[in-house]
Amino acid sequence: MISVDDALDRIFTRIPTPLPETIPLARAHRRVLTRPMIAQHTQPPFDASAMDGYAVRTADVVPGQPLFLAGTSQAGARFTGMMQRGECVRIFTGAPLPIGADAVIMQEQATARGNQVSFEKAPRPGQSIRRKGFDFTEGKELLPAGVPLTPAMLNLAASANYPELTVAKRPRIAILATGDELVAPGSDIGPDQIVASNSYALIPLLAAYAEKVIDLGIVPDDKRQLENAILGAFDYGVEVLLTTGGASVGERDYVQDVLRDLGVNLDFWKVLMRPGKPLMFGTRGKTLVFGLPGNPISAFVTAMVLVRPALKLMTGHTDPFWPMMGVPLGADLPANNERRHYVRAKLNRNDAGFLEALPIAETDSNHSSSLAEADALIVQPEGSPLIPAGEIVEIIPLNLTG
């Protein structure tokens, strides 16, 4: 068996450099830039008003003494010419500042009578003006490569006049479940059968990092049928294959043999972690192959710990482990053995209002309801003694994306 860190290192060394593709801005949410986004123009491109009001020369404004209203400046229709001494211009938010003006007074501080406008107090130079380049200037780096694009970042890209962006390509993924005992949800359950659930968690967990996820369904414990299903995925050209079940070495655990027969170079098949010890990883050409355990919690945890970081690197993320974070324990955590333990936990607010991780006592790898109850996985190091309540522990949030 190898450690989790060794397993991650071996996986990461086999991940190819992400390839770029250019896509419309409207489809770029959560995609990852492969090169920095550089401003192609200056924003705003002119001095602009930050509110509705009147553009003035500060030297001309004396409280109570009117100025002559010379015209209007609106967004998309500026005041032409130069504003003369003793004049003001009606201006609206985002409109270009007239030549000669050096401040804007909000309309609530003005009194207009025909073409005469007086003000309650004199403004300071630059008041309520967004200067040219206030947001960004041409040539400035707006976003670095390697960031997953959020809605706010897409707003910035649109402001920077990008109709499309160059992002990392996403892999095609195939997933299959193995086992004679498995039936699909909604089936009549026989006396020796259980409902297959792994794919229904893994597909949405990993879909954000995939161009396409192909669900190959349930394959019985038959070497020929298993070989045909896996070979079909390879022939289709998937970049990542995940199997669940059959990863151990029992008499009817055929996955390892079939993968070897089909040319998969297996790197490891046991990891010092719980849940999830029987986990295989290998490659066939440029295809990454993961053989996950069949137990629902083991399959989910190994996907969170090993598969998702790999997919994040494949798709250009610079931090494959985000959003791991440190929070205090809400209760004592018993001592651990030589395997790294990923403990299901609830995230609560303590009496002081701070976030804390409360361990869930259930550790069985078939107990799906405890996983559904959990908000995070506590990462308990190998050989850890009892960790008392209040100590900071590392967690993997389960309900955050990125």
Protein backbone atom coordinates (compact mmCIF):
# COMPACT_ATOMS: atom_id res chain seq x y z
CA MET A 1 0.00 0.00 0.00
CA ILE A 2 1.09 3.56 -0.63
CA SER A 3 0.18 6.78 1.16
CA VAL A 4 -2.41 9.24 -0.10
CA ASP A 5 0.31 11.77 -0.85
CA ASP A 6 2.30 9.21 -2.85
CA ALA A 7 -0.84 8.25 -4.76
CA LEU A 8 -1.54 11.89 -5.62
CA ASP A 9 2.06 12.41 -6.75
CA ARG A 10 1.89 9.38 -9.04
CA ILE A 11 -1.42 10.50 -10.51
CA PHE A 12 -0.29 14.09 -11.01
CA THR A 13 2.87 13.07 -12.88
CA ARG A 14 0.68 11.37 -15.50
CA ILE A 15 -1.62 14.29 -16.16
CA PRO A 16 -0.96 15.94 -19.53
CA THR A 17 -0.62 19.69 -19.96
CA PRO A 18 -4.11 21.15 -20.51
CA LEU A 19 -4.91 21.96 -24.12
CA PRO A 20 -6.56 25.29 -24.97
CA GLU A 21 -9.82 25.91 -26.77
CA THR A 22 -11.65 29.13 -27.53
CA ILE A 23 -15.32 29.30 -26.53
CA PRO A 24 -18.04 31.98 -26.45
CA LEU A 25 -18.17 34.06 -23.29
CA ALA A 26 -21.70 32.82 -22.61
CA ARG A 27 -20.38 29.25 -22.17
CA ALA A 28 -17.31 30.10 -20.08
CA HIS A 29 -18.78 29.85 -16.56
CA ARG A 30 -16.50 27.70 -14.34
CA ARG A 31 -14.06 27.10 -17.19
CA VAL A 32 -10.38 27.81 -16.53
CA LEU A 33 -8.29 30.38 -18.40
CA THR A 34 -5.16 29.01 -20.04
CA ARG A 35 -3.58 32.45 -20.41
CA PRO A 36 -3.98 35.76 -18.62
CA MET A 37 -6.84 38.02 -19.69
CA ILE A 38 -5.38 41.39 -20.72
CA ALA A 39 -7.42 44.59 -21.02
CA GLN A 40 -7.74 45.56 -24.66
CA HIS A 41 -9.07 49.03 -23.90
CA THR A 42 -9.38 51.51 -21.04
CA GLN A 43 -12.48 51.47 -18.83
CA PRO A 44 -14.11 53.89 -18.46
CA PRO A 45 -12.75 55.36 -21.69
CA PHE A 46 -13.45 58.93 -20.48
CA ASP A 47 -14.05 60.85 -17.26
CA ALA A 48 -17.64 59.99 -16.32
CA SER A 49 -20.23 61.05 -13.79
CA ALA A 50 -20.78 58.71 -10.84
CA MET A 51 -24.34 59.96 -10.27
CA ASP A 52 -27.25 61.98 -11.61
CA GLY A 53 -26.71 65.70 -11.05
CA TYR A 54 -24.91 68.69 -12.55
CA ALA A 55 -21.41 69.05 -13.96
CA VAL A 56 -19.77 72.25 -12.76
CA ARG A 57 -16.51 74.16 -12.41
CA THR A 58 -15.75 74.18 -8.68
CA ALA A 59 -14.40 77.74 -8.94
CA ASP A 60 -17.81 78.95 -10.24
CA VAL A 61 -19.98 77.49 -7.51
CA VAL A 62 -21.10 79.86 -4.76
CA PRO A 63 -23.91 78.48 -2.57
CA GLY A 64 -27.22 80.10 -3.50
CA GLN A 65 -25.93 81.85 -6.64
CA PRO A 66 -27.31 80.31 -9.86
CA LEU A 67 -25.37 79.03 -12.85
CA PHE A 68 -26.71 78.95 -16.39
CA LEU A 69 -27.84 75.50 -17.58
CA ALA A 70 -25.97 75.04 -20.87
CA GLY A 71 -27.19 71.58 -21.87
CA THR A 72 -27.28 67.88 -21.02
CA SER A 73 -24.81 64.99 -21.02
CA GLN A 74 -26.29 61.48 -21.08
CA ALA A 75 -24.82 58.02 -21.34
CA GLY A 76 -24.32 57.52 -25.07
CA ALA A 77 -24.96 61.20 -25.90
CA ARG A 78 -22.32 63.55 -24.49
CA PHE A 79 -22.47 67.34 -24.18
CA THR A 80 -20.56 68.73 -27.15
CA GLY A 81 -18.30 71.72 -26.97
CA MET A 82 -16.72 73.26 -23.88
CA MET A 83 -18.61 74.33 -20.78
CA GLN A 84 -17.96 78.03 -20.23
CA ARG A 85 -17.47 79.95 -16.99
CA GLY A 86 -20.73 80.48 -15.12
CA GLU A 87 -22.35 77.45 -16.78
CA CYS A 88 -23.38 74.00 -15.61
CA VAL A 89 -24.56 70.91 -17.48
CA ARG A 90 -27.26 68.44 -16.49
CA ILE A 91 -25.50 65.07 -16.32
CA PHE A 92 -26.55 61.48 -15.71
CA THR A 93 -24.73 58.48 -14.23
CA GLY A 94 -22.12 57.10 -16.64
CA ALA A 95 -22.28 60.10 -19.00
CA PRO A 96 -19.02 61.74 -20.20
CA LEU A 97 -17.91 64.75 -18.19
CA PRO A 98 -18.12 67.96 -20.28
CA ILE A 99 -14.88 69.65 -21.21
CA GLY A 100 -14.23 72.33 -18.62
CA ALA A 101 -16.07 70.64 -15.74
CA ASP A 102 -14.15 69.33 -12.75
CA ALA A 103 -16.90 68.13 -10.38
CA VAL A 104 -20.45 66.76 -10.26
CA ILE A 105 -23.04 67.87 -7.71
CA MET A 106 -25.85 65.40 -7.01
CA GLN A 107 -29.31 66.54 -8.04
CA GLU A 108 -30.56 66.41 -4.45
CA GLN A 109 -28.25 69.33 -3.62
CA ALA A 110 -29.44 71.48 -6.53
CA THR A 111 -32.43 73.75 -7.16
CA ALA A 112 -33.41 74.34 -10.79
CA ARG A 113 -35.62 77.22 -11.95
CA GLY A 114 -35.83 77.19 -15.73
CA ASN A 115 -32.30 77.47 -17.03
CA GLN A 116 -30.94 78.73 -13.69
CA VAL A 117 -29.51 76.20 -11.21
CA SER A 118 -28.25 76.99 -7.72
CA PHE A 119 -26.49 74.70 -5.24
CA GLU A 120 -26.49 74.22 -1.49
CA LYS A 121 -22.72 74.07 -1.12
CA ALA A 122 -19.54 74.21 -3.17
CA PRO A 123 -18.09 70.86 -4.28
CA ARG A 124 -14.51 69.71 -4.05
CA PRO A 125 -12.56 69.15 -7.31
CA GLY A 126 -13.10 65.61 -8.62
CA GLN A 127 -16.29 65.08 -6.61
CA SER A 128 -18.51 62.26 -7.97
CA ILE A 129 -16.32 61.70 -11.03
CA ARG A 130 -15.11 58.30 -12.24
CA ARG A 131 -11.81 59.09 -13.88
CA LYS A 132 -10.75 57.61 -17.19
CA GLY A 133 -9.19 54.20 -16.46
CA PHE A 134 -10.72 54.08 -12.97
CA ASP A 135 -11.66 50.39 -13.52
CA PHE A 136 -8.75 49.28 -15.72
CA THR A 137 -6.38 50.54 -18.37
CA GLU A 138 -5.38 49.05 -21.71
CA GLY A 139 -2.68 46.39 -21.29
CA LYS A 140 -3.43 45.62 -17.63
CA GLU A 141 -3.72 41.95 -16.59
CA LEU A 142 -7.31 41.53 -15.44
CA LEU A 143 -7.28 37.82 -14.60
CA PRO A 144 -4.41 35.34 -14.34
CA ALA A 145 -4.30 31.98 -16.04
CA GLY A 146 -5.55 29.07 -13.95
CA VAL A 147 -8.62 30.66 -12.38
CA PRO A 148 -12.07 29.08 -12.72
CA LEU A 149 -14.34 31.77 -14.11
CA THR A 150 -17.03 33.05 -11.77
CA PRO A 151 -20.06 35.15 -12.77
CA ALA A 152 -18.24 38.27 -11.52
CA MET A 153 -15.21 37.40 -13.66
CA LEU A 154 -17.43 36.93 -16.71
CA ASN A 155 -18.88 40.36 -16.03
CA LEU A 156 -15.33 41.73 -16.06
CA ALA A 157 -14.52 39.89 -19.29
CA ALA A 158 -17.58 41.36 -20.97
CA SER A 159 -16.62 44.85 -19.74
CA ALA A 160 -13.20 44.26 -21.26
CA ASN A 161 -14.90 43.54 -24.61
CA TYR A 162 -14.08 39.82 -24.79
CA PRO A 163 -16.74 37.98 -26.83
CA GLU A 164 -14.88 34.69 -26.30
CA LEU A 165 -12.17 33.30 -24.02
CA THR A 166 -9.40 30.73 -24.33
CA VAL A 167 -9.85 28.05 -21.68
CA ALA A 168 -8.58 24.56 -20.89
CA LYS A 169 -10.28 21.69 -22.67
CA ARG A 170 -12.18 19.28 -20.46
CA PRO A 171 -11.81 15.49 -20.73
CA ARG A 172 -14.45 12.99 -21.73
CA ILE A 173 -15.18 10.67 -18.82
CA ALA A 174 -16.77 7.21 -18.78
CA ILE A 175 -18.18 5.66 -15.59
CA LEU A 176 -19.36 2.12 -15.01
CA ALA A 177 -20.47 0.08 -12.01
CA THR A 178 -19.75 -3.62 -11.68
CA GLY A 179 -21.46 -6.36 -9.71
CA ASP A 180 -24.04 -9.14 -10.13
CA GLU A 181 -25.81 -7.83 -7.05
CA LEU A 182 -26.53 -4.38 -8.49
CA VAL A 183 -29.85 -3.19 -9.91
CA ALA A 184 -30.86 0.24 -11.13
CA PRO A 185 -32.97 2.54 -8.93
CA GLY A 186 -36.66 1.78 -9.38
CA SER A 187 -36.10 -1.92 -10.06
CA ASP A 188 -37.71 -4.81 -8.23
CA ILE A 189 -35.03 -5.76 -5.70
CA GLY A 190 -34.29 -9.47 -5.45
CA PRO A 191 -33.36 -11.20 -2.20
CA ASP A 192 -29.62 -10.97 -2.94
CA GLN A 193 -29.56 -7.61 -4.68
CA ILE A 194 -28.86 -3.98 -3.77
CA VAL A 195 -29.59 -0.73 -5.58
CA ALA A 196 -26.65 0.77 -7.46
CA SER A 197 -25.98 4.32 -6.23
CA ASN A 198 -22.36 5.23 -6.92
CA SER A 199 -22.79 6.71 -10.39
CA TYR A 200 -25.56 9.00 -9.18
CA ALA A 201 -23.07 10.69 -6.86
CA LEU A 202 -19.95 10.52 -9.03
CA ILE A 203 -21.43 11.95 -12.21
CA PRO A 204 -22.61 15.27 -10.68
CA LEU A 205 -19.47 15.43 -8.53
CA LEU A 206 -17.18 15.27 -11.57
CA ALA A 207 -19.35 16.66 -14.38
CA ALA A 208 -18.09 20.23 -13.90
CA TYR A 209 -14.63 19.05 -15.00
CA ALA A 210 -15.81 17.02 -17.99
CA GLU A 211 -16.72 17.83 -21.57
CA LYS A 212 -18.98 14.80 -21.46
CA VAL A 213 -19.74 12.07 -18.93
CA ILE A 214 -20.74 8.72 -20.42
CA ASP A 215 -22.66 6.47 -18.05
CA LEU A 216 -21.95 2.88 -19.07
CA GLY A 217 -24.43 1.61 -16.52
CA ILE A 218 -24.13 -1.64 -14.57
CA VAL A 219 -21.91 -4.46 -15.83
CA PRO A 220 -22.26 -7.92 -14.21
CA ASP A 221 -19.32 -9.88 -12.84
CA ASP A 222 -18.53 -11.40 -16.20
CA LYS A 223 -15.08 -10.91 -17.72
CA ARG A 224 -16.29 -10.79 -21.29
CA GLN A 225 -19.05 -8.26 -20.64
CA LEU A 226 -16.70 -6.16 -18.53
CA GLU A 227 -14.05 -6.29 -21.24
CA ASN A 228 -16.54 -5.22 -23.93
CA ALA A 229 -17.79 -2.27 -21.84
CA ILE A 230 -14.30 -0.99 -21.01
CA LEU A 231 -12.99 -1.56 -24.53
CA GLY A 232 -15.96 0.42 -25.87
CA ALA A 233 -14.96 3.36 -23.67
CA PHE A 234 -11.38 3.18 -24.89
CA ASP A 235 -12.49 2.98 -28.51
CA TYR A 236 -14.68 6.04 -27.99
CA GLY A 237 -11.56 7.92 -26.90
CA VAL A 238 -12.33 8.87 -23.32
CA GLU A 239 -9.54 10.58 -21.44
CA VAL A 240 -10.69 9.28 -18.04
CA LEU A 241 -12.31 5.95 -17.12
CA LEU A 242 -13.81 5.26 -13.71
CA THR A 243 -15.01 1.87 -12.56
CA THR A 244 -16.68 1.19 -9.22
CA GLY A 245 -16.66 -2.23 -7.61
CA GLY A 246 -14.51 -5.25 -8.34
CA ALA A 247 -11.36 -3.43 -7.23
CA SER A 248 -10.41 -5.98 -4.56
CA VAL A 249 -8.83 -9.40 -5.17
CA GLY A 250 -11.77 -11.74 -4.61
CA GLU A 251 -12.55 -14.62 -6.94
CA ARG A 252 -15.14 -12.53 -8.81
CA ASP A 253 -13.28 -9.21 -8.71
CA TYR A 254 -12.33 -9.10 -12.39
CA VAL A 255 -11.63 -5.40 -12.94
CA GLN A 256 -7.88 -5.56 -12.37
CA ASP A 257 -7.40 -8.56 -14.67
CA VAL A 258 -9.52 -7.05 -17.43
CA LEU A 259 -7.71 -3.71 -17.26
CA ARG A 260 -4.34 -5.45 -17.55
CA ASP A 261 -5.60 -7.60 -20.45
CA LEU A 262 -6.69 -4.42 -22.27
CA GLY A 263 -3.26 -2.82 -21.95
CA VAL A 264 -3.71 -0.69 -18.85
CA ASN A 265 -0.44 -0.09 -17.03
CA LEU A 266 -1.50 -0.26 -13.37
CA ASP A 267 0.52 1.96 -11.07
CA PHE A 268 -1.03 1.08 -7.70
CA TRP A 269 -4.10 -0.67 -6.30
CA LYS A 270 -4.08 -0.07 -2.55
CA VAL A 271 -3.92 3.25 -0.69
CA LEU A 272 -3.42 3.90 3.02
CA MET A 273 -6.73 5.70 3.53
CA ARG A 274 -10.12 5.00 5.00
CA PRO A 275 -12.61 4.66 3.67
CA GLY A 276 -11.30 3.53 0.31
CA LYS A 277 -8.23 1.27 0.65
CA PRO A 278 -8.83 -0.89 -2.51
CA LEU A 279 -8.27 1.74 -5.21
CA MET A 280 -6.56 1.20 -8.53
CA PHE A 281 -4.91 3.73 -10.80
CA GLY A 282 -3.25 3.25 -14.14
CA THR A 283 -2.94 4.56 -17.67
CA ARG A 284 -3.60 3.32 -21.16
CA GLY A 285 -1.94 5.71 -23.56
CA LYS A 286 -3.28 9.14 -22.56
CA THR A 287 -6.29 7.72 -20.73
CA LEU A 288 -6.30 7.83 -16.93
CA VAL A 289 -8.00 4.82 -15.35
CA PHE A 290 -9.38 4.79 -11.80
CA GLY A 291 -10.77 1.63 -10.23
CA LEU A 292 -12.79 2.83 -7.25
CA PRO A 293 -14.20 0.64 -4.48
CA GLY A 294 -17.79 -0.50 -4.69
CA ASN A 295 -18.91 0.66 -1.25
CA PRO A 296 -20.77 3.96 -1.70
CA ILE A 297 -18.84 6.01 0.87
CA SER A 298 -15.49 4.58 -0.26
CA ALA A 299 -16.24 5.40 -3.89
CA PHE A 300 -17.33 8.93 -3.05
CA VAL A 301 -14.41 9.71 -0.73
CA THR A 302 -11.77 8.36 -3.11
CA ALA A 303 -13.31 10.42 -5.91
CA MET A 304 -13.17 13.53 -3.72
CA VAL A 305 -9.60 12.91 -2.53
CA LEU A 306 -7.91 11.52 -5.65
CA VAL A 307 -10.06 11.84 -8.77
CA ARG A 308 -11.38 15.38 -8.40
CA PRO A 309 -7.92 16.95 -7.81
CA ALA A 310 -6.65 15.08 -10.88
CA LEU A 311 -9.50 16.40 -13.01
CA LYS A 312 -8.90 19.92 -11.73
CA LEU A 313 -5.27 19.75 -12.85
CA MET A 314 -6.36 18.31 -16.21
CA THR A 315 -8.67 21.28 -16.69
CA GLY A 316 -6.14 23.98 -15.82
CA HIS A 317 -6.81 24.76 -12.15
CA THR A 318 -3.72 26.01 -10.34
CA ASP A 319 -5.00 24.79 -6.94
CA PRO A 320 -6.38 21.27 -7.30
CA PHE A 321 -7.18 21.04 -3.57
CA TRP A 322 -9.40 24.11 -3.22
CA PRO A 323 -11.64 24.54 -1.17
CA MET A 324 -9.82 22.73 1.67
CA MET A 325 -9.65 24.87 4.82
CA GLY A 326 -8.90 24.76 8.53
CA VAL A 327 -11.62 24.94 11.21
CA PRO A 328 -11.74 24.02 14.91
CA LEU A 329 -13.13 20.65 16.00
CA GLY A 330 -16.51 20.73 17.73
CA ALA A 331 -15.84 17.49 19.66
CA ASP A 332 -12.93 15.15 20.39
CA LEU A 333 -11.76 13.01 17.48
CA PRO A 334 -10.55 9.51 18.54
CA ALA A 335 -7.02 8.36 17.70
CA ASN A 336 -6.34 7.09 14.20
CA ASN A 337 -4.38 4.09 12.84
CA GLU A 338 -1.79 4.04 10.04
CA ARG A 339 -4.35 4.98 7.37
CA ARG A 340 -5.37 8.59 6.74
CA HIS A 341 -8.99 8.90 7.84
CA TYR A 342 -11.55 11.06 6.07
CA VAL A 343 -14.13 11.56 8.80
CA ARG A 344 -17.66 12.63 7.94
CA ALA A 345 -18.58 15.84 9.77
CA LYS A 346 -21.28 18.45 10.25
CA LEU A 347 -20.35 22.13 10.07
CA ASN A 348 -21.99 24.07 12.89
CA ARG A 349 -21.78 27.48 14.53
CA ASN A 350 -20.56 27.36 18.12
CA ASP A 351 -21.85 29.60 20.92
CA ALA A 352 -19.50 32.37 19.81
CA GLY A 353 -20.82 32.16 16.24
CA PHE A 354 -17.69 30.60 14.74
CA LEU A 355 -17.68 27.67 12.32
CA GLU A 356 -16.63 24.29 13.74
CA ALA A 357 -16.51 20.70 12.46
CA LEU A 358 -18.48 18.18 14.50
CA PRO A 359 -17.39 14.59 13.70
CA ILE A 360 -20.11 12.09 12.79
CA ALA A 361 -19.58 8.89 14.78
CA GLU A 362 -20.61 6.56 11.93
CA THR A 363 -17.60 5.31 9.94
CA ASP A 364 -19.06 2.34 8.02
CA SER A 365 -18.40 2.65 4.28
CA ASN A 366 -21.92 1.52 3.38
CA HIS A 367 -23.71 4.08 5.54
CA SER A 368 -24.97 6.48 2.84
CA SER A 369 -27.30 8.44 5.13
CA SER A 370 -24.35 9.67 7.21
CA LEU A 371 -22.67 10.98 4.07
CA ALA A 372 -25.86 12.79 3.06
CA GLU A 373 -25.91 14.35 6.53
CA ALA A 374 -22.28 15.47 6.30
CA ASP A 375 -21.12 18.91 5.21
CA ALA A 376 -17.42 18.10 5.14
CA LEU A 377 -14.72 15.47 5.49
CA ILE A 378 -12.22 15.96 8.31
CA VAL A 379 -8.72 14.99 7.18
CA GLN A 380 -7.23 13.05 10.11
CA PRO A 381 -3.52 12.34 9.55
CA GLU A 382 -2.05 8.86 9.68
CA GLY A 383 -1.20 7.67 13.19
CA SER A 384 -2.88 10.68 14.77
CA PRO A 385 -3.53 10.55 18.53
CA LEU A 386 -6.83 11.79 19.92
CA ILE A 387 -7.46 15.33 18.68
CA PRO A 388 -9.27 17.37 21.34
CA ALA A 389 -12.19 19.68 20.67
CA GLY A 390 -11.05 23.16 19.74
CA GLU A 391 -7.98 22.04 17.76
CA ILE A 392 -7.78 23.25 14.16
CA VAL A 393 -8.28 20.45 11.63
CA GLU A 394 -8.21 20.44 7.86
CA ILE A 395 -11.55 19.80 6.15
CA ILE A 396 -12.79 19.18 2.63
CA PRO A 397 -16.17 20.91 2.28
CA LEU A 398 -18.69 18.73 0.46
CA ASN A 399 -21.17 21.39 -0.62
CA LEU A 400 -18.85 23.97 -2.18
CA THR A 401 -17.85 23.96 -5.86
CA GLY A 402 -14.63 24.89 -7.67
